[in-house]
Protein backbone atom coordinates (compact mmCIF):
# COMPACT_ATOMS: atom_id res chain seq x y z
CA MET A 1 0.00 0.00 0.00
CA LYS A 2 1.54 3.33 -1.10
CA ILE A 3 1.76 6.31 1.24
CA ALA A 4 -0.59 8.39 -0.93
CA THR A 5 -3.16 5.57 -1.05
CA PHE A 6 -2.85 5.09 2.70
CA ALA A 7 -3.42 8.79 3.32
CA ARG A 8 -6.35 9.03 0.88
CA ASN A 9 -8.16 5.94 2.15
CA HIS A 10 -7.84 6.91 5.77
CA LYS A 11 -8.24 10.68 5.50
CA TYR A 12 -4.63 11.25 6.44
CA ILE A 13 -4.19 15.04 6.92
CA MET A 14 -0.86 16.81 7.26
CA GLU A 15 -0.57 19.26 10.15
CA TYR A 16 1.90 21.89 11.26
CA ASN A 17 4.36 20.89 13.95
CA THR A 18 2.67 22.75 16.84
CA ASN A 19 1.16 21.49 20.06
CA ARG A 20 1.60 17.87 19.06
CA LYS A 21 1.97 14.76 21.16
CA LYS A 22 5.53 13.74 21.95
CA LEU A 23 6.92 11.16 19.52
CA VAL A 24 7.49 7.71 20.95
CA LEU A 25 10.32 6.91 18.50
CA PRO A 26 11.39 10.24 16.93
CA GLU A 27 13.56 8.55 14.29
CA TYR A 28 10.42 7.45 12.41
CA GLY A 29 8.80 10.88 12.44
CA ARG A 30 5.30 12.07 13.21
CA ASN A 31 3.70 10.70 10.04
CA ILE A 32 4.40 7.11 11.08
CA GLN A 33 3.03 7.76 14.54
CA LYS A 34 -0.17 9.17 13.04
CA MET A 35 -0.51 6.15 10.74
CA VAL A 36 -0.19 3.88 13.77
CA LYS A 37 -2.89 5.89 15.52
CA LEU A 38 -5.20 5.37 12.52
CA ALA A 39 -4.46 1.65 12.52
CA LYS A 40 -5.33 1.40 16.21
CA ALA A 41 -8.68 3.08 15.52
CA GLU A 42 -9.56 0.70 12.65
CA PRO A 43 -12.27 -1.73 13.90
CA ASP A 44 -11.86 -4.26 11.07
CA ALA A 45 -9.11 -6.77 11.91
CA ALA A 46 -8.25 -7.57 8.28
CA LYS A 47 -7.89 -3.90 7.36
CA ARG A 48 -5.91 -3.27 10.53
CA ASN A 49 -3.44 -6.00 9.59
CA LYS A 50 -3.04 -4.59 6.07
CA MET A 51 -2.43 -1.16 7.53
CA ALA A 52 0.22 -2.60 9.85
CA GLN A 53 1.95 -4.30 6.89
CA ALA A 54 1.94 -0.99 4.98
CA ILE A 55 3.39 0.86 7.96
CA ILE A 56 6.15 -1.75 8.34
CA SER A 57 6.99 -1.38 4.65
CA ILE A 58 7.25 2.39 4.96
CA MET A 59 9.38 2.11 8.11
CA GLY A 60 11.72 -0.24 6.26
CA ASN A 61 12.01 2.14 3.30
CA MET A 62 13.06 4.87 5.70
CA ASN A 63 16.15 2.84 6.67
CA PRO A 64 17.26 0.95 3.52
CA HIS A 65 20.87 0.82 4.75
CA LEU A 66 19.80 -1.43 7.63
CA ARG A 67 18.06 -4.10 5.56
CA ASP A 68 21.04 -6.44 5.61
CA ILE A 69 21.12 -6.48 9.40
CA VAL A 70 20.03 -9.76 10.98
CA ASP A 71 16.47 -9.61 12.37
CA PHE A 72 15.83 -6.23 10.74
CA LYS A 73 12.17 -7.12 10.10
CA HIS A 74 11.80 -8.33 13.65
CA LYS A 75 13.15 -5.02 14.91
CA LEU A 76 10.63 -3.10 12.78
CA TRP A 77 7.71 -5.04 14.24
CA ASP A 78 9.04 -4.43 17.73
CA HIS A 79 9.27 -0.71 16.96
CA LEU A 80 5.70 -0.74 15.66
CA ALA A 81 4.58 -2.23 18.98
CA ILE A 82 6.47 0.46 20.86
CA ILE A 83 5.04 3.30 18.77
CA SER A 84 1.53 1.92 19.35
CA GLU A 85 2.30 1.81 23.07
CA PHE A 86 1.68 -1.95 22.92
CA ASP A 87 -1.96 -1.35 22.08
CA LEU A 88 -2.23 -2.46 18.43
CA ASP A 89 -4.23 -5.66 17.95
CA ILE A 90 -2.63 -7.21 14.84
CA GLU A 91 -1.24 -10.54 13.65
CA SER A 92 2.49 -9.97 13.94
CA PRO A 93 4.88 -12.55 12.45
CA TYR A 94 6.99 -12.18 15.59
CA PRO A 95 6.17 -12.40 19.30
CA THR A 96 5.07 -9.02 20.62
CA PRO A 97 7.62 -7.72 23.16
CA GLU A 98 6.48 -7.36 26.73
CA ILE A 99 5.97 -3.80 27.92
CA GLU A 100 7.73 -4.69 31.18
CA THR A 101 10.90 -5.33 29.19
CA PHE A 102 11.08 -1.69 28.14
CA ASN A 103 9.95 -0.21 31.44
CA SER A 104 12.41 -2.17 33.57
CA LYS A 105 15.70 -0.56 34.57
CA PRO A 106 18.82 -1.89 32.83
CA GLU A 107 21.04 -4.20 34.82
CA ARG A 108 23.92 -2.59 36.62
CA VAL A 109 27.14 -2.75 34.61
CA PRO A 110 29.94 -4.21 36.71
CA TYR A 111 33.03 -2.01 36.79
CA LYS A 112 36.52 -3.22 37.45
CA THR A 113 37.52 -2.37 41.01
CA LYS A 114 41.19 -3.20 40.61
CA VAL A 115 43.35 -0.15 41.12
CA THR A 116 46.26 0.16 38.72
CA LYS A 117 49.14 2.15 40.21
CA PHE A 118 50.79 2.78 36.85
CA LYS A 119 47.86 3.55 34.55
CA HIS A 120 50.07 4.57 31.64
CA TYR A 121 51.30 0.98 31.36
CA GLY A 122 47.82 -0.55 31.38
CA GLN A 123 46.51 -3.82 32.75
CA THR A 124 47.74 -5.78 29.73
CA ILE A 125 51.33 -5.15 30.82
CA GLU A 126 50.47 -6.36 34.32
CA LYS A 127 49.04 -9.57 32.88
CA MET A 128 52.15 -10.06 30.75
CA ILE A 129 54.35 -9.57 33.82
CA THR A 130 52.32 -12.21 35.68
CA VAL A 131 52.88 -14.64 32.81
CA ALA A 132 56.61 -13.90 32.78
CA ILE A 133 56.89 -14.51 36.53
CA GLU A 134 55.27 -17.93 36.20
CA MET A 135 57.53 -19.03 33.32
CA GLU A 136 60.48 -21.32 33.82
CA GLU A 137 63.89 -19.70 33.88
CA GLY A 138 65.56 -19.60 30.49
CA GLU A 139 66.09 -17.67 27.28
CA LEU A 140 62.37 -17.47 26.41
CA LYS A 141 61.58 -15.85 29.74
CA GLU A 142 64.42 -13.36 29.32
CA ILE A 143 63.17 -12.42 25.84
CA LEU A 144 59.63 -11.85 27.15
CA ILE A 145 60.86 -9.67 30.01
CA GLN A 146 62.95 -7.65 27.55
CA LEU A 147 59.87 -7.13 25.35
CA ILE A 148 57.78 -6.12 28.38
CA ALA A 149 60.35 -3.58 29.53
CA ASN A 150 60.61 -2.06 26.05
CA HIS A 151 56.83 -1.86 25.76
CA MET A 152 56.66 -0.18 29.17
CA LYS A 153 59.15 2.44 28.00
CA LYS A 154 57.15 3.07 24.82
CA SER A 155 53.93 3.40 26.84
CA TYR A 156 55.60 5.75 29.32
CA LEU A 157 56.81 8.05 26.53
CA THR A 158 53.49 7.88 24.69
CA TRP A 159 51.42 9.02 27.66
CA ASN A 160 53.88 11.19 29.59
CA LYS A 161 55.59 12.72 26.54
CA GLU A 162 58.81 13.32 28.43
CA ALA A 163 62.22 11.71 28.65
CA VAL A 164 62.66 8.67 30.87
CA ASN A 165 65.76 6.70 31.73
CA ASP A 166 65.89 2.94 31.79
CA ASP A 167 66.37 2.83 35.56
CA GLN A 168 62.87 4.31 36.01
CA ILE A 169 61.36 1.56 33.84
CA PHE A 170 63.28 -1.11 35.74
CA ARG A 171 62.08 0.28 39.09
CA ASP A 172 58.46 0.31 37.90
CA LEU A 173 58.82 -3.24 36.57
CA LYS A 174 60.19 -4.39 39.91
CA ILE A 175 57.30 -2.77 41.79
CA ILE A 176 54.61 -4.20 39.49
CA SER A 177 56.16 -7.68 39.67
CA GLY A 178 56.34 -7.53 43.44
CA GLY A 179 60.11 -7.67 43.34
CA LYS A 180 60.19 -10.87 41.30
CA ILE A 181 61.66 -9.22 38.20
CA ASP A 182 64.74 -7.11 38.89
CA LEU A 183 66.59 -5.72 35.88
CA ASN A 184 69.47 -3.27 35.70
CA THR A 185 71.21 -1.27 33.00
CA ASP A 186 74.35 -3.39 33.23
CA LYS A 187 72.59 -6.47 31.81
CA THR A 188 69.63 -5.00 29.90
CA THR A 189 69.51 -2.24 27.29
CA LEU A 190 66.19 -0.85 26.14
CA THR A 191 65.30 0.99 22.94
CA LYS A 192 66.70 4.51 22.97
CA THR A 193 64.31 7.26 24.00
CA ARG A 194 65.17 9.27 20.89
CA ASP A 195 64.20 6.39 18.60
CA ILE A 196 60.86 5.85 20.38
CA LEU A 197 59.96 9.55 20.23
CA GLU A 198 60.88 9.72 16.54
CA LYS A 199 58.70 6.70 15.81
CA ASN A 200 55.77 8.20 17.74
CA LYS A 201 56.20 11.44 15.78
CA ARG A 202 56.09 9.62 12.45
CA ARG A 203 52.91 7.80 13.48
CA LYS A 204 51.19 11.09 14.30
CA VAL A 205 52.14 12.50 10.91
CA GLN A 206 50.78 9.39 9.14
CA ARG A 207 47.46 9.61 11.03
CA LYS A 208 46.95 13.21 9.93
CA ARG A 209 47.32 12.29 6.25
């Protein structure tokens, strides 16, 4: 059923946007809400169902870019129920959502309560340090610790944007590991600060392009 036919058959009259009822779902506009109101007032069940089908078709045409989304049709019928304030007696191809579902408060989102002392390193580094601590002694463990320390230095310079010496990174690593990883500049050499800053600068330039 075309919009013009729908309007003509049901005496659909355009009005100015003054003193009107608040839209239930503003993204569909006032015309859809008025069509739903007409459908609710239709006493004939068969005509009411045809009107609902026409409204769903129009709602779908308003969002053609969403047609490939899974359950798009289902979502449209749910939106029709919402716009009608769950008071449209029609034969929907999908179960009508319960009004309580939309009136109920959303469940509380659990937030992480763990406090990270060195936020600029992030929790991923802490997890990597935990893995390194649990590894058997050997070359693989040494390589991982070297990578962790270098990544810590890169993170430090990314967020703090100031020079940092390797001793600072080693001290932070020792604190985070609870003293189980203790490096020093005599045995371990990290990437030079100048090289890290230059690399960060090049990345910023590339992002702006």
